[in-house]
C-alpha atoms as a PDB file:
ATOM      1  CA  UNK A   1      32.293 -13.688  54.975  1.00  0.00           C
ATOM      2  CA  UNK A   2      29.408 -15.066  52.255  1.00  0.00           C
ATOM      3  CA  UNK A   3      26.841 -16.639  53.234  1.00  0.00           C
ATOM      4  CA  UNK A   4      24.941 -19.163  51.620  1.00  0.00           C
ATOM      5  CA  UNK A   5      22.336 -21.538  51.682  1.00  0.00           C
ATOM      6  CA  UNK A   6      24.156 -25.247  50.825  1.00  0.00           C
ATOM      7  CA  UNK A   7      21.684 -28.469  50.232  1.00  0.00           C
ATOM      8  CA  UNK A   8      23.911 -30.765  52.700  1.00  0.00           C
ATOM      9  CA  UNK A   9      22.848 -33.828  51.204  1.00  0.00           C
ATOM     10  CA  UNK A  10      19.827 -35.011  49.190  1.00  0.00           C
ATOM     11  CA  UNK A  11      16.628 -34.874  50.397  1.00  0.00           C
ATOM     12  CA  UNK A  12      13.427 -32.600  51.749  1.00  0.00           C
ATOM     13  CA  UNK A  13      13.647 -28.859  52.205  1.00  0.00           C
ATOM     14  CA  UNK A  14      15.054 -29.146  55.958  1.00  0.00           C
ATOM     15  CA  UNK A  15      18.438 -30.543  54.174  1.00  0.00           C
ATOM     16  CA  UNK A  16      19.492 -26.637  53.928  1.00  0.00           C
ATOM     17  CA  UNK A  17      22.051 -25.628  56.115  1.00  0.00           C
ATOM     18  CA  UNK A  18      23.515 -21.561  55.852  1.00  0.00           C
ATOM     19  CA  UNK A  19      27.266 -21.653  55.699  1.00  0.00           C
ATOM     20  CA  UNK A  20      29.327 -18.944  56.097  1.00  0.00           C
ATOM     21  CA  UNK A  21      32.727 -19.086  53.405  1.00  0.00           C
ATOM     22  CA  UNK A  22      34.993 -16.716  52.226  1.00  0.00           C
ATOM     23  CA  UNK A  23      34.624 -13.605  49.828  1.00  0.00           C
ATOM     24  CA  UNK A  24      34.775 -15.331  45.674  1.00  0.00           C
ATOM     25  CA  UNK A  25      36.982 -13.414  43.783  1.00  0.00           C
ATOM     26  CA  UNK A  26      35.796 -12.872  40.148  1.00  0.00           C
ATOM     27  CA  UNK A  27      38.178 -14.414  37.636  1.00  0.00           C
ATOM     28  CA  UNK A  28      38.875 -13.300  34.149  1.00  0.00           C
ATOM     29  CA  UNK A  29      36.195 -12.297  31.880  1.00  0.00           C
ATOM     30  CA  UNK A  30      33.453 -13.464  35.391  1.00  0.00           C
ATOM     31  CA  UNK A  31      32.252 -10.161  37.524  1.00  0.00           C
ATOM     32  CA  UNK A  32      30.949 -10.267  41.445  1.00  0.00           C
ATOM     33  CA  UNK A  33      27.308  -9.396  42.147  1.00  0.00           C
ATOM     34  CA  UNK A  34      26.313  -8.048  45.573  1.00  0.00           C
ATOM     35  CA  UNK A  35      22.899  -9.895  45.286  1.00  0.00           C
ATOM     36  CA  UNK A  36      19.676  -8.694  46.701  1.00  0.00           C
ATOM     37  CA  UNK A  37      16.850 -10.728  45.319  1.00  0.00           C
ATOM     38  CA  UNK A  38      17.722 -14.825  43.993  1.00  0.00           C
ATOM     39  CA  UNK A  39      15.350 -16.557  41.758  1.00  0.00           C
ATOM     40  CA  UNK A  40      13.951 -20.362  43.143  1.00  0.00           C
ATOM     41  CA  UNK A  41      12.834 -22.927  40.066  1.00  0.00           C
ATOM     42  CA  UNK A  42      10.763 -25.724  40.902  1.00  0.00           C
ATOM     43  CA  UNK A  43      13.674 -28.184  38.959  1.00  0.00           C
ATOM     44  CA  UNK A  44      15.665 -26.638  41.685  1.00  0.00           C
ATOM     45  CA  UNK A  45      13.380 -28.393  44.906  1.00  0.00           C
ATOM     46  CA  UNK A  46      13.730 -31.663  42.194  1.00  0.00           C
ATOM     47  CA  UNK A  47      17.742 -32.091  42.415  1.00  0.00           C
ATOM     48  CA  UNK A  48      17.775 -31.104  45.804  1.00  0.00           C
ATOM     49  CA  UNK A  49      15.334 -34.407  46.771  1.00  0.00           C
ATOM     50  CA  UNK A  50      17.698 -36.488  44.783  1.00  0.00           C
ATOM     51  CA  UNK A  51      15.670 -36.612  41.860  1.00  0.00           C
ATOM     52  CA  UNK A  52      17.389 -37.128  38.362  1.00  0.00           C
ATOM     53  CA  UNK A  53      20.769 -37.486  39.376  1.00  0.00           C
ATOM     54  CA  UNK A  54      21.633 -39.027  35.795  1.00  0.00           C
ATOM     55  CA  UNK A  55      21.062 -36.173  34.534  1.00  0.00           C
ATOM     56  CA  UNK A  56      21.865 -32.891  37.001  1.00  0.00           C
ATOM     57  CA  UNK A  57      25.511 -32.642  37.884  1.00  0.00           C
ATOM     58  CA  UNK A  58      24.890 -31.225  41.491  1.00  0.00           C
ATOM     59  CA  UNK A  59      26.671 -33.456  44.464  1.00  0.00           C
ATOM     60  CA  UNK A  60      25.683 -32.432  47.543  1.00  0.00           C
ATOM     61  CA  UNK A  61      26.739 -30.535  49.622  1.00  0.00           C
ATOM     62  CA  UNK A  62      26.131 -27.574  46.851  1.00  0.00           C
ATOM     63  CA  UNK A  63      24.151 -23.848  46.976  1.00  0.00           C
ATOM     64  CA  UNK A  64      21.227 -24.008  44.383  1.00  0.00           C
ATOM     65  CA  UNK A  65      20.111 -20.756  42.858  1.00  0.00           C
ATOM     66  CA  UNK A  66      20.498 -20.180  38.463  1.00  0.00           C
ATOM     67  CA  UNK A  67      19.901 -16.581  38.727  1.00  0.00           C
ATOM     68  CA  UNK A  68      20.342 -13.594  41.041  1.00  0.00           C
ATOM     69  CA  UNK A  69      19.899 -10.099  40.647  1.00  0.00           C
ATOM     70  CA  UNK A  70      21.722  -6.953  42.409  1.00  0.00           C
ATOM     71  CA  UNK A  71      24.770  -5.179  41.715  1.00  0.00           C
ATOM     72  CA  UNK A  72      28.091  -5.281  40.187  1.00  0.00           C
ATOM     73  CA  UNK A  73      30.427  -5.093  43.291  1.00  0.00           C
ATOM     74  CA  UNK A  74      33.504  -6.465  41.572  1.00  0.00           C
ATOM     75  CA  UNK A  75      35.102  -7.280  38.105  1.00  0.00           C
ATOM     76  CA  UNK A  76      37.449  -9.613  36.938  1.00  0.00           C
ATOM     77  CA  UNK A  77      40.205  -9.109  34.580  1.00  0.00           C
ATOM     78  CA  UNK A  78      39.401  -8.005  30.942  1.00  0.00           C
ATOM     79  CA  UNK A  79      36.010  -6.828  32.055  1.00  0.00           C
ATOM     80  CA  UNK A  80      34.860  -3.144  32.092  1.00  0.00           C
ATOM     81  CA  UNK A  81      35.564  -1.555  35.361  1.00  0.00           C
ATOM     82  CA  UNK A  82      32.488   1.052  34.473  1.00  0.00           C
ATOM     83  CA  UNK A  83      30.357  -2.245  35.474  1.00  0.00           C
ATOM     84  CA  UNK A  84      30.760  -1.239  39.133  1.00  0.00           C
ATOM     85  CA  UNK A  85      27.817  -0.469  40.892  1.00  0.00           C
ATOM     86  CA  UNK A  86      25.914  -1.370  38.137  1.00  0.00           C
ATOM     87  CA  UNK A  87      22.479  -2.875  38.842  1.00  0.00           C
ATOM     88  CA  UNK A  88      21.748  -6.434  36.993  1.00  0.00           C
ATOM     89  CA  UNK A  89      20.333  -9.830  37.092  1.00  0.00           C
ATOM     90  CA  UNK A  90      22.563 -12.519  35.615  1.00  0.00           C
ATOM     91  CA  UNK A  91      22.347 -16.524  35.591  1.00  0.00           C
ATOM     92  CA  UNK A  92      24.531 -18.256  37.077  1.00  0.00           C
ATOM     93  CA  UNK A  93      26.262 -21.415  35.927  1.00  0.00           C
ATOM     94  CA  UNK A  94      23.201 -23.376  36.958  1.00  0.00           C
ATOM     95  CA  UNK A  95      24.090 -23.126  41.048  1.00  0.00           C
ATOM     96  CA  UNK A  96      25.672 -20.525  43.315  1.00  0.00           C
ATOM     97  CA  UNK A  97      22.779 -17.805  43.510  1.00  0.00           C
ATOM     98  CA  UNK A  98      21.992 -19.099  47.025  1.00  0.00           C
ATOM     99  CA  UNK A  99      24.132 -16.854  48.297  1.00  0.00           C
ATOM    100  CA  UNK A 100      24.878 -12.898  49.156  1.00  0.00           C
ATOM    101  CA  UNK A 101      27.211 -13.102  46.841  1.00  0.00           C
ATOM    102  CA  UNK A 102      27.990 -14.472  43.412  1.00  0.00           C
ATOM    103  CA  UNK A 103      30.495 -14.900  40.607  1.00  0.00           C
ATOM    104  CA  UNK A 104      28.845 -14.804  37.323  1.00  0.00           C
ATOM    105  CA  UNK A 105      30.607 -14.747  33.484  1.00  0.00           C
ATOM    106  CA  UNK A 106      30.395 -10.730  32.485  1.00  0.00           C
ATOM    107  CA  UNK A 107      28.591 -12.520  29.393  1.00  0.00           C
ATOM    108  CA  UNK A 108      25.609 -13.804  31.157  1.00  0.00           C
ATOM    109  CA  UNK A 109      24.861  -9.835  33.041  1.00  0.00           C
ATOM    110  CA  UNK A 110      21.952  -7.948  31.608  1.00  0.00           C
ATOM    111  CA  UNK A 111      21.602  -4.557  33.044  1.00  0.00           C
ATOM    112  CA  UNK A 112      18.211  -3.994  35.011  1.00  0.00           C
ATOM    113  CA  UNK A 113      16.721  -0.340  33.543  1.00  0.00           C
ATOM    114  CA  UNK A 114      15.725   1.879  35.743  1.00  0.00           C
ATOM    115  CA  UNK A 115      12.100   1.856  35.711  1.00  0.00           C
ATOM    116  CA  UNK A 116      12.340  -2.444  36.383  1.00  0.00           C
ATOM    117  CA  UNK A 117      12.403  -3.126  40.233  1.00  0.00           C
ATOM    118  CA  UNK A 118      15.014  -5.666  41.662  1.00  0.00           C
ATOM    119  CA  UNK A 119      12.667  -8.026  42.493  1.00  0.00           C
ATOM    120  CA  UNK A 120      10.555  -7.689  38.953  1.00  0.00           C
ATOM    121  CA  UNK A 121      14.059  -8.203  37.187  1.00  0.00           C
ATOM    122  CA  UNK A 122      14.689 -11.463  39.114  1.00  0.00           C
ATOM    123  CA  UNK A 123      11.222 -13.167  38.724  1.00  0.00           C
ATOM    124  CA  UNK A 124      11.556 -12.827  34.711  1.00  0.00           C
ATOM    125  CA  UNK A 125      15.251 -14.432  34.271  1.00  0.00           C
ATOM    126  CA  UNK A 126      14.002 -17.483  34.513  1.00  0.00           C
ATOM    127  CA  UNK A 127       9.767 -17.363  33.859  1.00  0.00           C
ATOM    128  CA  UNK A 128      10.002 -14.488  31.513  1.00  0.00           C
ATOM    129  CA  UNK A 129      12.555 -16.618  29.346  1.00  0.00           C
ATOM    130  CA  UNK A 130      11.052 -19.376  29.201  1.00  0.00           C
ATOM    131  CA  UNK A 131       7.275 -17.915  28.391  1.00  0.00           C
ATOM    132  CA  UNK A 132       8.925 -16.045  25.458  1.00  0.00           C
ATOM    133  CA  UNK A 133      10.708 -19.243  23.903  1.00  0.00           C
ATOM    134  CA  UNK A 134       7.943 -20.797  24.511  1.00  0.00           C
ATOM    135  CA  UNK A 135       5.303 -18.431  22.059  1.00  0.00           C
ATOM    136  CA  UNK A 136       8.398 -17.876  20.122  1.00  0.00           C
ATOM    137  CA  UNK A 137       7.982 -21.844  19.613  1.00  0.00           C
ATOM    138  CA  UNK A 138       4.192 -22.010  19.107  1.00  0.00           C
ATOM    139  CA  UNK A 139       4.216 -18.789  17.037  1.00  0.00           C
ATOM    140  CA  UNK A 140       1.552 -17.644  18.946  1.00  0.00           C
ATOM    141  CA  UNK A 141      -0.360 -14.815  16.706  1.00  0.00           C
ATOM    142  CA  UNK A 142      -3.273 -12.593  16.763  1.00  0.00           C
ATOM    143  CA  UNK A 143      -5.810 -14.884  15.870  1.00  0.00           C
ATOM    144  CA  UNK A 144      -5.407 -17.975  18.477  1.00  0.00           C
ATOM    145  CA  UNK A 145      -7.054 -19.329  21.036  1.00  0.00           C
ATOM    146  CA  UNK A 146      -4.461 -20.035  23.687  1.00  0.00           C
ATOM    147  CA  UNK A 147      -5.135 -22.550  26.977  1.00  0.00           C
ATOM    148  CA  UNK A 148      -2.251 -21.528  29.870  1.00  0.00           C
ATOM    149  CA  UNK A 149      -2.510 -24.988  31.871  1.00  0.00           C
ATOM    150  CA  UNK A 150      -1.589 -24.177  35.471  1.00  0.00           C
ATOM    151  CA  UNK A 151      -1.990 -20.225  35.090  1.00  0.00           C
ATOM    152  CA  UNK A 152      -0.970 -19.904  38.690  1.00  0.00           C
ATOM    153  CA  UNK A 153       2.612 -19.838  38.705  1.00  0.00           C
ATOM    154  CA  UNK A 154       5.084 -17.817  38.280  1.00  0.00           C
ATOM    155  CA  UNK A 155       5.133 -19.082  34.645  1.00  0.00           C
ATOM    156  CA  UNK A 156       1.711 -19.583  33.996  1.00  0.00           C
ATOM    157  CA  UNK A 157       0.707 -16.012  35.110  1.00  0.00           C
ATOM    158  CA  UNK A 158       3.048 -14.428  32.228  1.00  0.00           C
ATOM    159  CA  UNK A 159       1.935 -16.750  29.792  1.00  0.00           C
ATOM    160  CA  UNK A 160      -1.552 -15.825  30.193  1.00  0.00           C
ATOM    161  CA  UNK A 161      -0.361 -11.667  30.477  1.00  0.00           C
ATOM    162  CA  UNK A 162       1.640 -12.705  27.002  1.00  0.00           C
ATOM    163  CA  UNK A 163      -1.154 -14.479  25.830  1.00  0.00           C
ATOM    164  CA  UNK A 164      -3.639 -11.452  26.680  1.00  0.00           C
ATOM    165  CA  UNK A 165      -1.487  -9.118  24.571  1.00  0.00           C
ATOM    166  CA  UNK A 166      -0.681 -11.260  21.422  1.00  0.00           C
ATOM    167  CA  UNK A 167      -3.266 -13.876  20.994  1.00  0.00           C
ATOM    168  CA  UNK A 168      -7.364 -13.534  20.394  1.00  0.00           C
ATOM    169  CA  UNK A 169      -8.357 -15.221  22.949  1.00  0.00           C
ATOM    170  CA  UNK A 170      -6.399 -16.898  26.013  1.00  0.00           C
ATOM    171  CA  UNK A 171      -8.357 -19.489  29.088  1.00  0.00           C
ATOM    172  CA  UNK A 172      -6.553 -19.987  32.202  1.00  0.00           C
ATOM    173  CA  UNK A 173      -6.941 -23.281  34.312  1.00  0.00           C
ATOM    174  CA  UNK A 174      -6.137 -23.593  37.516  1.00  0.00           C
ATOM    175  CA  UNK A 175      -7.767 -24.743  40.967  1.00  0.00           C
ATOM    176  CA  UNK A 176      -9.049 -23.856  44.196  1.00  0.00           C
ATOM    177  CA  UNK A 177      -8.292 -20.348  46.527  1.00  0.00           C
ATOM    178  CA  UNK A 178      -5.983 -19.386  43.078  1.00  0.00           C
ATOM    179  CA  UNK A 179      -8.333 -19.124  41.399  1.00  0.00           C
ATOM    180  CA  UNK A 180     -10.176 -15.384  42.332  1.00  0.00           C
ATOM    181  CA  UNK A 181      -6.094 -14.571  42.211  1.00  0.00           C
ATOM    182  CA  UNK A 182      -6.164 -16.145  38.246  1.00  0.00           C
ATOM    183  CA  UNK A 183      -9.339 -13.918  37.872  1.00  0.00           C
ATOM    184  CA  UNK A 184      -7.269 -10.518  38.427  1.00  0.00           C
ATOM    185  CA  UNK A 185      -4.996 -11.155  35.138  1.00  0.00           C
ATOM    186  CA  UNK A 186      -8.579 -11.282  32.965  1.00  0.00           C
ATOM    187  CA  UNK A 187      -8.251 -13.806  30.694  1.00  0.00           C
ATOM    188  CA  UNK A 188     -11.341 -14.368  28.483  1.00  0.00           C
ATOM    189  CA  UNK A 189     -12.191 -17.775  30.965  1.00  0.00           C
ATOM    190  CA  UNK A 190     -10.885 -19.320  33.705  1.00  0.00           C
ATOM    191  CA  UNK A 191     -11.705 -22.948  34.486  1.00  0.00           C
ATOM    192  CA  UNK A 192     -11.338 -25.106  37.933  1.00  0.00           C
ATOM    193  CA  UNK A 193      -9.138 -27.962  36.995  1.00  0.00           C
ATOM    194  CA  UNK A 194     -10.392 -29.415  40.307  1.00  0.00           C
ATOM    195  CA  UNK A 195     -13.760 -29.812  38.633  1.00  0.00           C
ATOM    196  CA  UNK A 196     -14.617 -33.515  36.748  1.00  0.00           C
ATOM    197  CA  UNK A 197     -15.559 -31.379  34.154  1.00  0.00           C
ATOM    198  CA  UNK A 198     -13.129 -29.324  33.567  1.00  0.00           C
ATOM    199  CA  UNK A 199     -12.404 -30.326  30.042  1.00  0.00           C
ATOM    200  CA  UNK A 200     -15.979 -29.922  28.747  1.00  0.00           C
ATOM    201  CA  UNK A 201     -16.135 -26.362  30.128  1.00  0.00           C
ATOM    202  CA  UNK A 202     -13.268 -25.544  28.352  1.00  0.00           C
ATOM    203  CA  UNK A 203     -13.894 -27.209  25.312  1.00  0.00           C
ATOM    204  CA  UNK A 204     -17.284 -25.346  25.122  1.00  0.00           C
ATOM    205  CA  UNK A 205     -15.508 -21.786  25.274  1.00  0.00           C
ATOM    206  CA  UNK A 206     -13.722 -22.795  22.803  1.00  0.00           C
ATOM    207  CA  UNK A 207     -16.285 -24.470  20.192  1.00  0.00           C
ATOM    208  CA  UNK A 208     -15.903 -27.243  17.846  1.00  0.00           C
ATOM    209  CA  UNK A 209     -12.094 -25.973  16.757  1.00  0.00           C
ATOM    210  CA  UNK A 210     -10.391 -26.445  19.939  1.00  0.00           C
ATOM    211  CA  UNK A 211      -7.557 -24.296  21.354  1.00  0.00           C
ATOM    212  CA  UNK A 212      -4.734 -23.200  18.309  1.00  0.00           C
ATOM    213  CA  UNK A 213      -2.043 -23.124  21.171  1.00  0.00           C
ATOM    214  CA  UNK A 214      -1.777 -25.536  24.762  1.00  0.00           C
ATOM    215  CA  UNK A 215       0.631 -24.588  27.116  1.00  0.00           C
ATOM    216  CA  UNK A 216       1.331 -27.094  29.361  1.00  0.00           C
ATOM    217  CA  UNK A 217       2.833 -25.502  33.015  1.00  0.00           C
ATOM    218  CA  UNK A 218       1.944 -28.747  35.073  1.00  0.00           C
ATOM    219  CA  UNK A 219       2.033 -32.193  32.867  1.00  0.00           C
ATOM    220  CA  UNK A 220       1.290 -35.552  34.026  1.00  0.00           C
ATOM    221  CA  UNK A 221      -2.848 -36.456  34.076  1.00  0.00           C
ATOM    222  CA  UNK A 222      -3.482 -33.235  33.317  1.00  0.00           C
ATOM    223  CA  UNK A 223      -1.740 -31.948  30.760  1.00  0.00           C
ATOM    224  CA  UNK A 224      -2.875 -35.518  29.235  1.00  0.00           C
ATOM    225  CA  UNK A 225      -6.653 -34.136  29.247  1.00  0.00           C
ATOM    226  CA  UNK A 226      -5.480 -30.883  28.156  1.00  0.00           C
ATOM    227  CA  UNK A 227      -3.819 -32.419  24.726  1.00  0.00           C
ATOM    228  CA  UNK A 228      -7.532 -33.421  23.489  1.00  0.00           C
ATOM    229  CA  UNK A 229      -8.523 -29.465  23.564  1.00  0.00           C
ATOM    230  CA  UNK A 230      -5.895 -28.898  21.008  1.00  0.00           C
ATOM    231  CA  UNK A 231      -7.664 -27.725  17.425  1.00  0.00           C
ATOM    232  CA  UNK A 232      -6.293 -29.582  14.517  1.00  0.00           C
ATOM    233  CA  UNK A 233      -2.920 -28.496  13.403  1.00  0.00           C
ATOM    234  CA  UNK A 234      -2.931 -26.784  16.401  1.00  0.00           C
ATOM    235  CA  UNK A 235       0.703 -26.527  18.614  1.00  0.00           C
ATOM    236  CA  UNK A 236       1.065 -28.391  22.244  1.00  0.00           C
ATOM    237  CA  UNK A 237       3.728 -28.199  24.239  1.00  0.00           C
ATOM    238  CA  UNK A 238       4.472 -30.312  27.041  1.00  0.00           C
ATOM    239  CA  UNK A 239       7.133 -28.383  29.290  1.00  0.00           C
ATOM    240  CA  UNK A 240       5.752 -28.718  32.451  1.00  0.00           C
ATOM    241  CA  UNK A 241       6.680 -31.088  35.490  1.00  0.00           C
ATOM    242  CA  UNK A 242       5.044 -29.904  39.106  1.00  0.00           C
ATOM    243  CA  UNK A 243       2.716 -32.985  38.817  1.00  0.00           C
ATOM    244  CA  UNK A 244       6.022 -34.983  39.126  1.00  0.00           C
ATOM    245  CA  UNK A 245       6.413 -36.081  35.515  1.00  0.00           C
ATOM    246  CA  UNK A 246       5.871 -34.681  31.477  1.00  0.00           C
ATOM    247  CA  UNK A 247       2.343 -34.768  29.846  1.00  0.00           C
ATOM    248  CA  UNK A 248       2.749 -38.705  28.089  1.00  0.00           C
ATOM    249  CA  UNK A 249       1.722 -37.521  24.407  1.00  0.00           C
ATOM    250  CA  UNK A 250       0.305 -39.727  22.294  1.00  0.00           C
ATOM    251  CA  UNK A 251       2.562 -39.166  18.863  1.00  0.00           C
ATOM    252  CA  UNK A 252       0.466 -41.050  16.508  1.00  0.00           C
ATOM    253  CA  UNK A 253      -2.756 -39.612  17.698  1.00  0.00           C
ATOM    254  CA  UNK A 254      -0.755 -36.362  17.473  1.00  0.00           C
ATOM    255  CA  UNK A 255       0.364 -37.151  14.278  1.00  0.00           C
ATOM    256  CA  UNK A 256      -3.223 -38.152  12.554  1.00  0.00           C
ATOM    257  CA  UNK A 257      -4.583 -34.437  14.218  1.00  0.00           C
ATOM    258  CA  UNK A 258      -1.553 -32.789  12.622  1.00  0.00           C
ATOM    259  CA  UNK A 259      -0.737 -31.289  16.134  1.00  0.00           C
ATOM    260  CA  UNK A 260       2.846 -29.961  16.658  1.00  0.00           C
ATOM    261  CA  UNK A 261       4.373 -31.503  20.108  1.00  0.00           C
ATOM    262  CA  UNK A 262       7.315 -29.415  21.850  1.00  0.00           C
ATOM    263  CA  UNK A 263       8.621 -30.280  25.063  1.00  0.00           C
ATOM    264  CA  UNK A 264      10.962 -29.016  27.470  1.00  0.00           C
ATOM    265  CA  UNK A 265      13.764 -29.277  24.461  1.00  0.00           C
ATOM    266  CA  UNK A 266      12.023 -26.156  22.963  1.00  0.00           C
ATOM    267  CA  UNK A 267      13.784 -24.122  26.111  1.00  0.00           C
ATOM    268  CA  UNK A 268      16.885 -25.142  26.225  1.00  0.00           C
ATOM    269  CA  UNK A 269      18.357 -22.225  24.904  1.00  0.00           C
ATOM    270  CA  UNK A 270      21.892 -20.637  24.084  1.00  0.00           C
ATOM    271  CA  UNK A 271      23.741 -17.961  26.300  1.00  0.00           C
ATOM    272  CA  UNK A 272      23.022 -16.070  23.535  1.00  0.00           C
ATOM    273  CA  UNK A 273      19.617 -16.434  23.315  1.00  0.00           C
ATOM    274  CA  UNK A 274      18.923 -16.354  27.204  1.00  0.00           C
ATOM    275  CA  UNK A 275      20.522 -13.560  27.309  1.00  0.00           C
ATOM    276  CA  UNK A 276      18.054 -12.092  24.063  1.00  0.00           C
ATOM    277  CA  UNK A 277      15.469 -13.173  26.185  1.00  0.00           C
ATOM    278  CA  UNK A 278      16.361 -11.609  29.454  1.00  0.00           C
ATOM    279  CA  UNK A 279      16.353  -8.681  27.312  1.00  0.00           C
ATOM    280  CA  UNK A 280      13.342  -8.336  26.155  1.00  0.00           C
ATOM    281  CA  UNK A 281      11.473  -9.412  28.986  1.00  0.00           C
ATOM    282  CA  UNK A 282      12.656  -6.914  30.979  1.00  0.00           C
ATOM    283  CA  UNK A 283      11.714  -4.179  27.802  1.00  0.00           C
ATOM    284  CA  UNK A 284       8.601  -5.824  28.002  1.00  0.00           C
ATOM    285  CA  UNK A 285       8.133  -5.276  31.186  1.00  0.00           C
ATOM    286  CA  UNK A 286       8.821  -1.812  31.376  1.00  0.00           C
ATOM    287  CA  UNK A 287       6.608  -1.726  29.166  1.00  0.00           C
ATOM    288  CA  UNK A 288       4.146  -2.589  31.289  1.00  0.00           C
ATOM    289  CA  UNK A 289       2.872  -5.878  28.731  1.00  0.00           C
ATOM    290  CA  UNK A 290       4.275  -8.026  31.766  1.00  0.00           C
ATOM    291  CA  UNK A 291       4.169  -7.799  35.238  1.00  0.00           C
ATOM    292  CA  UNK A 292       5.250 -10.853  37.843  1.00  0.00           C
ATOM    293  CA  UNK A 293       3.084 -11.722  40.270  1.00  0.00           C
ATOM    294  CA  UNK A 294       5.452 -12.127  43.944  1.00  0.00           C
ATOM    295  CA  UNK A 295       3.430 -14.527  45.652  1.00  0.00           C
ATOM    296  CA  UNK A 296       5.868 -14.963  48.690  1.00  0.00           C
ATOM    297  CA  UNK A 297       9.497 -14.198  48.988  1.00  0.00           C
ATOM    298  CA  UNK A 298      11.874 -15.848  51.765  1.00  0.00           C
ATOM    299  CA  UNK A 299      14.933 -14.878  53.105  1.00  0.00           C
ATOM    300  CA  UNK A 300      17.958 -16.399  52.517  1.00  0.00           C
ATOM    301  CA  UNK A 301      18.087 -18.632  55.822  1.00  0.00           C
ATOM    302  CA  UNK A 302      14.684 -19.804  54.988  1.00  0.00           C
ATOM    303  CA  UNK A 303      15.629 -20.883  51.558  1.00  0.00           C
ATOM    304  CA  UNK A 304      13.886 -24.410  53.238  1.00  0.00           C
ATOM    305  CA  UNK A 305      10.406 -22.366  53.354  1.00  0.00           C
ATOM    306  CA  UNK A 306      10.963 -21.573  49.779  1.00  0.00           C
ATOM    307  CA  UNK A 307      11.307 -25.117  48.373  1.00  0.00           C
ATOM    308  CA  UNK A 308       8.351 -26.671  51.176  1.00  0.00           C
ATOM    309  CA  UNK A 309       6.408 -23.616  49.293  1.00  0.00           C
ATOM    310  CA  UNK A 310       6.990 -24.747  45.824  1.00  0.00           C
ATOM    311  CA  UNK A 311       6.529 -28.313  46.331  1.00  0.00           C
ATOM    312  CA  UNK A 312       3.430 -28.440  48.665  1.00  0.00           C
ATOM    313  CA  UNK A 313       1.812 -26.346  44.860  1.00  0.00           C
ATOM    314  CA  UNK A 314       0.599 -23.579  47.528  1.00  0.00           C
ATOM    315  CA  UNK A 315       2.580 -20.704  46.266  1.00  0.00           C
ATOM    316  CA  UNK A 316       0.552 -18.292  44.114  1.00  0.00           C
ATOM    317  CA  UNK A 317       2.736 -16.605  41.461  1.00  0.00           C
ATOM    318  CA  UNK A 318       6.389 -16.133  41.832  1.00  0.00           C
ATOM    319  CA  UNK A 319       8.402 -17.650  45.012  1.00  0.00           C
ATOM    320  CA  UNK A 320      11.712 -15.352  45.549  1.00  0.00           C
ATOM    321  CA  UNK A 321      14.627 -15.492  48.014  1.00  0.00           C
ATOM    322  CA  UNK A 322      16.213 -12.129  49.604  1.00  0.00           C
ATOM    323  CA  UNK A 323      19.254 -11.536  50.920  1.00  0.00           C
ATOM    324  CA  UNK A 324      17.990  -8.634  52.880  1.00  0.00           C
ATOM    325  CA  UNK A 325      18.910  -9.328  56.525  1.00  0.00           C
END
């Protein structure tokens, strides 16, 4: 039997129930992954709450989970038998990952290098892909100054690390108790967004020119304030929603300043591109360019606690779920 953390109804983290179901069987072109580590996303907490029902197809009861790491236990028809036992990460079809075992498309499976831990690989499945896609979309170059808003989350940490590797300057924005831990990432400057003058502080760091690239991982009022720091001709990415909504950017004001504004659509990728970015993220991790920080991990039967940590915004770095009993 397989254990699965199931959303029994829309609501708070308490709606999770641990349910046992028969072992799934991979069909043609599929593999069965014996799951060790499960990725978690802010989006999954929103869907569980019942928000965005017009956009997301899941209806209770359902098993969340868009990404898993583990070993291939079985393969379906038409799949290379030699894949059995291979350490892999895989994107699911948007659900089914919060379980001991998960069936995924064989084409969605990516082998994990021996030097990369499965926990690290799971943490990169979505955040690594998103960070790399954002940097490509924003065309971050070696002369750019980059502002990372919401630098303490799983995605924010990777954005700071990539900016250190690729850009001329990186300024990280976080708040409260998380500041000290963000400082360990060694940004060129660290700004406390809880301070009323944080925008002025950031402006002093970037100077009159402003930030060439602003990566808004938070949205809402914080993202809208960050937009004012974007340089003329700069790039602003309004992809974050942990505040509860995307930043509402005045497109006329952006056009007048020549600022290119992109949103979450920039990281809505094809299966081929997602696989390519997963492979790239694993290579970057193996090379030591990026290193996700696992702030907290919860056992499968505490999936609700994982969601509560994400929603409470008390979590630092990446939140994961493990299947270890």
